[in-house]
Amino acid sequence: MPRFEWSSVGTGPLPDELRAPHPARLPTTTPGYDVIIAAHETAIVNGESGYLDPVTGLFAMTAAYLWERGECCDSGCRHCPYVSRT
């Protein structure tokens, strides 16, 4: 069972437990993990839809932006808040 009400998806702020990427999408052993997480948090705090990955230079959307979209697009987004956590 999810830790949040699905009826609230996209209608309020991103639940704190969904701010960190699912380990299957970004393992903690990933080189540069800490700077990637810092860039993600900075983008969320600044209300930006994404950030440039400090390791690869690719654009990554934030979990908050993806949450506001209201559903998963099945593109394998690093910070997808809809990946099952159970």
Protein backbone atom coordinates (compact mmCIF):
# COMPACT_ATOMS: atom_id res chain seq x y z
CA MET A 1 0.00 0.00 0.00
CA PRO A 2 1.42 3.43 -0.92
CA ARG A 3 2.29 5.92 1.80
CA PHE A 4 0.15 8.61 0.19
CA GLU A 5 -3.35 8.94 -1.17
CA TRP A 6 -3.43 8.41 -4.96
CA SER A 7 -6.31 10.90 -5.14
CA SER A 8 -3.79 13.61 -4.16
CA VAL A 9 -1.36 12.80 -6.99
CA GLY A 10 -0.26 16.01 -8.64
CA THR A 11 -2.64 18.14 -6.60
CA GLY A 12 -0.31 19.09 -3.77
CA PRO A 13 3.35 19.21 -2.94
CA LEU A 14 5.51 16.18 -3.58
CA PRO A 15 5.50 13.91 -0.51
CA ASP A 16 8.93 13.95 1.19
CA GLU A 17 9.33 10.18 0.87
CA LEU A 18 9.28 10.53 -2.93
CA ARG A 19 12.02 13.18 -3.20
CA ALA A 20 14.83 10.61 -3.36
CA PRO A 21 15.05 8.56 -6.56
CA HIS A 22 14.11 4.90 -6.48
CA PRO A 23 17.31 2.84 -6.07
CA ALA A 24 16.51 0.99 -9.30
CA ARG A 25 16.64 4.31 -11.17
CA LEU A 26 19.65 5.83 -9.37
CA PRO A 27 21.58 3.44 -7.12
CA THR A 28 23.46 5.05 -4.24
CA THR A 29 26.63 3.50 -5.69
CA THR A 30 26.33 5.62 -8.86
CA PRO A 31 29.48 7.72 -9.37
CA GLY A 32 28.62 11.31 -8.43
CA TYR A 33 25.46 10.29 -6.53
CA ASP A 34 25.84 13.01 -3.90
CA VAL A 35 26.31 15.84 -6.41
CA ILE A 36 23.39 14.53 -8.49
CA ILE A 37 21.13 14.53 -5.42
CA ALA A 38 22.33 18.03 -4.48
CA ALA A 39 21.54 19.32 -7.99
CA HIS A 40 18.09 17.71 -7.82
CA GLU A 41 17.33 19.28 -4.42
CA THR A 42 18.53 22.70 -5.60
CA ALA A 43 16.24 22.50 -8.62
CA ILE A 44 13.26 21.53 -6.45
CA VAL A 45 13.92 24.34 -3.96
CA ASN A 46 14.21 26.84 -6.83
CA GLY A 47 10.99 25.59 -8.44
CA GLU A 48 12.76 24.46 -11.60
CA SER A 49 11.43 21.61 -13.73
CA GLY A 50 14.82 19.96 -13.93
CA TYR A 51 18.58 20.31 -13.80
CA LEU A 52 21.67 19.46 -15.80
CA ASP A 53 23.18 16.26 -14.48
CA PRO A 54 26.57 17.30 -13.12
CA VAL A 55 28.14 14.02 -14.27
CA THR A 56 26.68 13.53 -17.77
CA GLY A 57 25.44 17.03 -18.65
CA LEU A 58 22.04 15.60 -19.61
CA PHE A 59 18.81 17.29 -18.50
CA ALA A 60 16.91 15.42 -15.76
CA MET A 61 13.40 16.35 -14.63
CA THR A 62 12.76 16.71 -10.91
CA ALA A 63 10.45 14.45 -8.95
CA ALA A 64 8.34 17.54 -8.10
CA TYR A 65 7.86 18.38 -11.78
CA LEU A 66 6.98 14.78 -12.63
CA TRP A 67 4.55 14.65 -9.67
CA GLU A 68 2.76 17.74 -11.00
CA ARG A 69 2.29 15.99 -14.37
CA GLY A 70 0.01 13.54 -12.57
CA GLU A 71 1.07 10.25 -14.13
CA CYS A 72 4.03 8.18 -15.24
CA CYS A 73 5.02 8.47 -18.90
CA ASP A 74 6.94 5.13 -18.84
CA SER A 75 10.11 6.77 -20.13
CA GLY A 76 12.30 5.57 -17.26
CA CYS A 77 12.79 8.99 -15.68
CA ARG A 78 15.44 8.99 -12.97
CA HIS A 79 13.30 10.83 -10.41
CA CYS A 80 9.90 9.34 -11.33
CA PRO A 81 7.75 9.48 -8.18
CA TYR A 82 5.40 6.82 -9.57
CA VAL A 83 7.88 3.90 -9.43
CA SER A 84 6.55 1.34 -6.96
CA ARG A 85 8.32 1.61 -3.61
CA THR A 86 7.04 -1.70 -2.26
